[in-house]
Structures are given as structure tokens and as C-alpha cells.
Amino acid sequence: MIDIVVQDSVLVATLVREPVNEIGTPMLEALEGLVQRIEGEIERTAVAPSRRLAAVVITSGVKRGFCAGADLRELHHQNRAAKERGETLEARTAQVSTFLDRIHGVMNALDGCQVPVIAAVHGVVFGGGFELALAADLIIADKTARFAFPELRLGLVPGFGGIPRLKRDLGNAVVRDLLLTGRSLGAERAHQVGLVSQVVAEGQSLAVALRTAQQVRRFPSYTVGLAKRFIKPDLSAELAQERALFLQLWQLPPVEAALARFDADTSAMPYLPAVVEAT
């Protein structure tokens, strides 16, 4: 699910769940394991400064992209099964709430990690995958990358912390366009608006991310850590508001119907937004 290696003081985590690293229970458990591994590496190397962990790189080993977001089919199947067992809407919503708490724990841990986190992305970077990339400090995208929040077509909003982190990083006009239209940003446009730090040739995002990590390694860890905390303000209040809004929408009947239609879609990538940006 996630291959982890540590080389030259950099932890590289490669997501490897076909078709596009959807975040359901298995991937969530793997992400929680990744956070534990990162924290363990930081603690283990703290006593040996020459061997300190300098950075984390998150990438994908799946051809189609970085991550398509939440596993909506799993979400729908779990909800339908619970409904058939006679569980109340409140009980079913509580199950989703627990999942959100866990994924927020992962995103917050990556966002607040002591060492810089770099997302090396390509292809599909949608929904929860976009939110995962936003939890990183730097996004390095190859030219095939596309970023989108297609949740509104299901009657939902991003629920993994994407709205507050996007607002932190980009101007309001771009944020509103992404959220209200469902359109996607190509890598070049994402770079122009400040979402992506570097755009590289197809297939080169990981190599460039590793070189960037080695650049970070040149500087004292305490300086990097303090600088990171300074430039990333506390989002806890807004994250809680977004989570509450997601759960409010989740309880609406049209959302259940939209998820059923999504589940029935047999196309290769049903999560693609209906409208995409040309650039």
C-alpha cells in the first residue's frame, strides 16, 4: 500500500494502490503507519545529528497519478450495509465522523511534521489526494499533473482539510474557482498561481523532489523547523468548521443518491470533473 525507504537522510513514501491510490480504510491505515514511521525516524535520529532525518517525500508508484482522493465506493458500500442493518442516520454519520477524525490526524501530522514534507506528484491529484498534497510543504509536479476538487458534483465539500489549507496557500479567486466550478488546474497554471513550487518534465517529479530534499539537508534542522512553524499558521478552528460542514452535507439524501450513481459508474476514472481547464 505504501512502500517506505530511507536514503541519504530522506524518507521516501511511495503510494501503491491501484487504480489511483484511493483513500479508503486500507490506505488510511497505511498513512497512519507512515506517520508513525516518520515520527519514529525523527525520534531515533535526534540523538545522532549527523544521521538526522532531513525531509519526507511522498510520491506515487501508480501510473495514472498521485491520488484520486477518498474511496467513495467503500464509503457508499459501508453506508448502504449499515442502512440495511437498520442503523440510524446518526449512527452512520458517526462512522464517517470517525473516519474523518483519523484522516485529519494524518493530514495534521504531516502538515505539522518537524521536517519538511515534499509531495512529488503526477497525473491525477484530485479530492483527498489534492488535500494530501496540500498538507505537504512543497509540491513538485511533473507536467501531467492536474489538481481538482470534484466533490461538489456529489453534493459534498472537501472533508480532509483541503479548504483551509488551500485558502492558506492561494488567493481567494483561485480558491473559489476550484471549489465552486469543479474545474482542474494543470501543472503550469498551478505553478503560476503559487500552488506548485516547481514544474518538471514528465516522470521527473521524484528525482527533483529528492534533489530538493538534499538542498533542505544543508541547513540546521532547528532553523528549518522554526521557519516551517512560522509560515504555517494554526488552522484548527477552520479545519473543525470544514469537517462539520462535510458531515452536515453527508446527511442529505441527494448525497446518498449521488454516491450510488458514482458507484454504478463503470468508466475508468469516474472521479474526473465534468469540466476541466484547458491549460
Protein backbone atom coordinates (compact mmCIF):
# COMPACT_ATOMS: atom_id res chain seq x y z
CA MET A 1 0.00 0.00 0.00
CA ILE A 2 2.86 2.40 0.91
CA ASP A 3 6.48 1.48 0.25
CA ILE A 4 8.85 3.28 2.62
CA VAL A 5 12.61 3.63 2.27
CA VAL A 6 15.08 5.95 3.97
CA GLN A 7 18.04 7.02 1.87
CA ASP A 8 20.51 9.87 2.35
CA SER A 9 18.53 11.20 5.34
CA VAL A 10 15.31 11.37 3.31
CA LEU A 11 12.27 9.18 3.93
CA VAL A 12 10.54 8.34 0.65
CA ALA A 13 6.96 7.07 0.85
CA THR A 14 5.52 5.66 -2.38
CA LEU A 15 1.75 5.13 -2.59
CA VAL A 16 0.99 1.93 -4.50
CA ARG A 17 -2.72 1.13 -4.51
CA GLU A 18 -4.34 0.69 -7.91
CA PRO A 19 -6.06 2.27 -9.67
CA VAL A 20 -5.08 5.70 -8.29
CA ASN A 21 -4.30 5.34 -4.57
CA GLU A 22 -7.86 5.95 -3.37
CA ILE A 23 -8.00 6.66 0.36
CA GLY A 24 -10.23 4.07 1.97
CA THR A 25 -9.67 2.13 5.18
CA PRO A 26 -6.59 0.20 3.91
CA MET A 27 -4.84 3.34 2.64
CA LEU A 28 -5.81 5.26 5.77
CA GLU A 29 -4.21 2.57 7.91
CA ALA A 30 -1.11 2.72 5.72
CA LEU A 31 -0.97 6.51 6.05
CA GLU A 32 -1.27 6.21 9.82
CA GLY A 33 1.63 3.76 9.70
CA LEU A 34 3.60 6.25 7.61
CA VAL A 35 3.10 8.97 10.22
CA GLN A 36 4.27 6.59 12.96
CA ARG A 37 7.33 5.68 10.90
CA ILE A 38 8.20 9.34 10.30
CA GLU A 39 7.84 10.16 13.99
CA GLY A 40 9.95 7.13 14.89
CA GLU A 41 12.70 8.13 12.46
CA ILE A 42 12.77 11.68 13.83
CA GLU A 43 12.98 10.43 17.40
CA ARG A 44 15.60 7.80 16.57
CA THR A 45 17.88 10.19 14.71
CA ALA A 46 17.50 13.08 17.17
CA VAL A 47 20.33 11.65 19.27
CA ALA A 48 22.62 11.45 16.23
CA PRO A 49 22.56 14.84 14.42
CA SER A 50 24.81 13.58 11.64
CA ARG A 51 22.16 10.99 10.76
CA ARG A 52 19.08 13.18 11.29
CA LEU A 53 16.04 12.82 9.08
CA ALA A 54 16.14 15.86 6.81
CA ALA A 55 12.91 15.56 4.82
CA VAL A 56 9.99 13.38 3.77
CA VAL A 57 8.99 12.83 0.14
CA ILE A 58 5.55 11.42 -0.71
CA THR A 59 5.07 10.15 -4.24
CA SER A 60 3.09 7.59 -6.24
CA GLY A 61 4.10 4.39 -7.96
CA VAL A 62 0.79 4.24 -9.84
CA LYS A 63 0.84 5.27 -13.49
CA ARG A 64 -2.42 7.23 -13.55
CA GLY A 65 -1.46 9.71 -10.89
CA PHE A 66 -0.72 10.70 -7.33
CA CYS A 67 -4.09 10.09 -5.67
CA ALA A 68 -7.72 10.29 -6.80
CA GLY A 69 -9.00 11.06 -3.29
CA ALA A 70 -11.35 9.26 -0.95
CA ASP A 71 -12.51 5.74 -1.81
CA LEU A 72 -16.09 6.78 -2.45
CA ARG A 73 -17.23 3.29 -3.36
CA GLU A 74 -16.09 1.97 0.01
CA LEU A 75 -17.84 4.88 1.70
CA HIS A 76 -21.06 4.14 -0.19
CA HIS A 77 -20.93 0.38 0.43
CA GLN A 78 -20.35 0.85 4.16
CA ASN A 79 -23.22 3.31 4.41
CA ARG A 80 -25.57 1.05 2.44
CA ALA A 81 -24.66 -2.00 4.53
CA ALA A 82 -25.21 -0.07 7.76
CA LYS A 83 -28.57 1.18 6.48
CA GLU A 84 -29.61 -2.39 5.62
CA ARG A 85 -28.72 -3.43 9.17
CA GLY A 86 -31.16 -0.82 10.41
CA GLU A 87 -28.61 1.65 11.76
CA THR A 88 -29.85 5.19 12.16
CA LEU A 89 -28.60 8.13 10.13
CA GLU A 90 -26.93 9.45 13.27
CA ALA A 91 -25.04 6.17 13.75
CA ARG A 92 -23.96 6.08 10.11
CA THR A 93 -22.81 9.69 10.29
CA ALA A 94 -20.81 8.87 13.41
CA GLN A 95 -18.92 6.21 11.44
CA VAL A 96 -17.99 8.77 8.80
CA SER A 97 -17.02 11.19 11.57
CA THR A 98 -14.61 8.63 13.00
CA PHE A 99 -13.01 8.16 9.57
CA LEU A 100 -12.66 11.94 9.22
CA ASP A 101 -11.04 12.20 12.65
CA ARG A 102 -8.45 9.62 11.63
CA ILE A 103 -7.64 11.19 8.25
CA HIS A 104 -7.44 14.65 9.84
CA GLY A 105 -4.96 13.16 12.31
CA VAL A 106 -2.77 12.05 9.39
CA MET A 107 -3.05 15.35 7.50
CA ASN A 108 -2.35 17.42 10.61
CA ALA A 109 0.67 15.28 11.48
CA LEU A 110 2.15 15.74 8.01
CA ASP A 111 1.32 19.46 7.99
CA GLY A 112 2.98 19.93 11.38
CA CYS A 113 5.86 17.50 10.85
CA GLN A 114 9.18 18.72 12.28
CA VAL A 115 10.91 18.18 8.93
CA PRO A 116 9.80 19.46 5.51
CA VAL A 117 7.38 17.26 3.59
CA ILE A 118 7.56 17.30 -0.21
CA ALA A 119 4.82 15.94 -2.46
CA ALA A 120 6.14 14.70 -5.82
CA VAL A 121 3.04 14.41 -8.00
CA HIS A 122 1.92 13.46 -11.48
CA GLY A 123 -1.34 12.79 -13.24
CA VAL A 124 -4.49 12.82 -11.12
CA VAL A 125 -4.27 14.90 -7.91
CA PHE A 126 -7.95 15.10 -7.02
CA GLY A 127 -10.09 15.45 -3.92
CA GLY A 128 -8.44 13.83 -0.91
CA GLY A 129 -5.28 13.37 -2.98
CA PHE A 130 -5.18 17.12 -3.53
CA GLU A 131 -5.70 17.56 0.21
CA LEU A 132 -2.80 15.19 0.91
CA ALA A 133 -0.56 17.24 -1.37
CA LEU A 134 -1.69 20.45 0.36
CA ALA A 135 -0.55 19.02 3.71
CA ALA A 136 3.00 18.97 2.30
CA ASP A 137 5.30 21.99 2.45
CA LEU A 138 6.31 21.83 -1.20
CA ILE A 139 4.57 20.37 -4.24
CA ILE A 140 6.74 19.38 -7.17
CA ALA A 141 4.63 18.43 -10.18
CA ASP A 142 5.50 16.88 -13.47
CA LYS A 143 3.77 18.40 -16.46
CA THR A 144 1.00 15.75 -16.48
CA ALA A 145 -0.34 16.72 -13.04
CA ARG A 146 -3.88 18.07 -12.70
CA PHE A 147 -5.40 19.37 -9.46
CA ALA A 148 -9.14 19.44 -8.71
CA PHE A 149 -11.82 19.26 -6.05
CA PRO A 150 -14.68 17.41 -7.80
CA GLU A 151 -16.61 16.84 -4.56
CA LEU A 152 -19.36 19.33 -5.39
CA ARG A 153 -20.68 17.04 -8.14
CA LEU A 154 -21.61 14.67 -5.30
CA GLY A 155 -23.14 17.40 -3.17
CA LEU A 156 -20.15 17.49 -0.82
CA VAL A 157 -17.22 19.74 0.01
CA PRO A 158 -13.64 18.61 0.63
CA GLY A 159 -13.52 16.96 4.06
CA PHE A 160 -9.85 16.16 4.69
CA GLY A 161 -8.78 19.76 5.41
CA GLY A 162 -8.47 20.98 1.84
CA ILE A 163 -10.40 24.24 2.05
CA PRO A 164 -8.45 25.83 4.95
CA ARG A 165 -5.10 24.69 3.51
CA LEU A 166 -5.98 25.92 0.03
CA LYS A 167 -7.06 29.29 1.46
CA ARG A 168 -3.78 29.47 3.36
CA ASP A 169 -1.75 28.92 0.20
CA LEU A 170 -3.69 30.67 -2.60
CA GLY A 171 -5.68 33.79 -3.39
CA ASN A 172 -9.45 33.76 -2.93
CA ALA A 173 -10.24 33.95 -6.65
CA VAL A 174 -8.42 30.69 -7.36
CA VAL A 175 -9.88 29.00 -4.29
CA ARG A 176 -13.44 29.92 -5.26
CA ASP A 177 -12.94 28.80 -8.84
CA LEU A 178 -11.62 25.39 -7.82
CA LEU A 179 -14.31 24.81 -5.21
CA LEU A 180 -17.35 26.20 -6.99
CA THR A 181 -16.75 25.03 -10.57
CA GLY A 182 -15.00 21.68 -10.06
CA ARG A 183 -12.54 22.66 -12.79
CA SER A 184 -8.99 21.39 -12.67
CA LEU A 185 -5.68 23.20 -12.79
CA GLY A 186 -2.90 21.91 -14.99
CA ALA A 187 0.65 21.87 -13.65
CA GLU A 188 1.73 25.08 -15.40
CA ARG A 189 -1.31 27.03 -14.23
CA ALA A 190 -0.87 25.63 -10.71
CA HIS A 191 2.70 26.93 -10.76
CA GLN A 192 1.59 30.36 -11.98
CA VAL A 193 -0.88 30.80 -9.11
CA GLY A 194 1.60 29.61 -6.48
CA LEU A 195 0.23 26.16 -5.70
CA VAL A 196 3.20 24.27 -7.13
CA SER A 197 6.81 25.20 -6.38
CA GLN A 198 8.31 23.52 -9.45
CA VAL A 199 7.02 22.04 -12.71
CA VAL A 200 9.27 19.39 -14.21
CA ALA A 201 9.36 17.06 -17.17
CA GLU A 202 7.11 14.02 -17.22
CA GLY A 203 8.41 11.33 -14.90
CA GLN A 204 10.91 13.61 -13.15
CA SER A 205 8.98 14.80 -10.08
CA LEU A 206 10.53 12.27 -7.68
CA ALA A 207 14.09 12.91 -8.86
CA VAL A 208 13.66 16.67 -8.46
CA ALA A 209 11.98 16.21 -5.06
CA LEU A 210 14.97 14.18 -3.87
CA ARG A 211 17.37 16.89 -5.04
CA THR A 212 15.25 19.48 -3.26
CA ALA A 213 15.36 17.39 -0.09
CA GLN A 214 19.14 17.36 -0.27
CA GLN A 215 19.09 21.15 -0.54
CA VAL A 216 16.99 21.28 2.65
CA ARG A 217 19.51 18.96 4.32
CA ARG A 218 22.19 21.65 4.12
CA PHE A 219 20.52 23.79 6.75
CA PRO A 220 20.25 23.28 10.55
CA SER A 221 17.19 21.25 11.46
CA TYR A 222 16.13 23.62 14.25
CA THR A 223 16.14 26.58 11.83
CA VAL A 224 14.09 24.71 9.25
CA GLY A 225 11.62 23.55 11.89
CA LEU A 226 11.12 27.02 13.35
CA ALA A 227 10.74 28.56 9.90
CA LYS A 228 8.14 25.97 8.96
CA ARG A 229 6.07 26.66 12.07
CA PHE A 230 6.28 30.40 11.46
CA ILE A 231 4.98 30.26 7.88
CA LYS A 232 2.17 27.76 8.58
CA PRO A 233 -0.46 29.34 10.87
CA ASP A 234 -2.80 27.33 13.09
CA LEU A 235 -5.84 26.15 11.11
CA SER A 236 -7.57 24.11 13.82
CA ALA A 237 -10.72 26.27 14.00
CA GLU A 238 -11.26 26.31 10.22
CA LEU A 239 -10.49 22.59 9.94
CA ALA A 240 -13.20 21.86 12.52
CA GLN A 241 -15.67 24.04 10.61
CA GLU A 242 -14.95 22.25 7.33
CA ARG A 243 -15.35 18.85 8.99
CA ALA A 244 -18.72 19.90 10.44
CA LEU A 245 -19.89 21.17 7.05
CA PHE A 246 -18.92 17.90 5.37
CA LEU A 247 -20.89 15.89 7.93
CA GLN A 248 -23.89 18.21 7.57
CA LEU A 249 -23.92 17.66 3.81
CA TRP A 250 -23.27 13.93 4.21
CA GLN A 251 -26.64 13.50 5.93
CA LEU A 252 -28.62 14.90 2.96
CA PRO A 253 -30.49 12.35 0.78
CA PRO A 254 -29.13 13.79 -2.54
CA VAL A 255 -25.60 12.92 -1.41
CA GLU A 256 -26.55 9.27 -0.87
CA ALA A 257 -28.12 9.21 -4.34
CA ALA A 258 -25.04 10.81 -5.90
CA LEU A 259 -22.76 8.25 -4.28
CA ALA A 260 -24.98 5.47 -5.62
CA ARG A 261 -24.62 6.89 -9.13
CA PHE A 262 -20.87 7.14 -8.67
CA ASP A 263 -20.73 3.52 -7.52
CA ALA A 264 -22.65 2.43 -10.61
CA ASP A 265 -20.32 4.31 -12.97
CA THR A 266 -18.19 1.77 -14.84
CA SER A 267 -15.85 4.27 -16.53
CA ALA A 268 -12.12 4.00 -15.85
CA MET A 269 -11.95 7.21 -13.82
CA PRO A 270 -15.43 8.29 -12.67
CA TYR A 271 -13.96 10.91 -10.35
CA LEU A 272 -12.90 13.11 -13.27
CA PRO A 273 -14.61 16.52 -13.02
CA ALA A 274 -17.24 17.24 -15.61
CA VAL A 275 -15.42 20.40 -16.73
CA VAL A 276 -11.66 20.75 -16.96
CA GLU A 277 -9.49 23.74 -17.54
CA ALA A 278 -7.87 23.92 -20.96
CA THR A 279 -4.45 24.99 -19.70
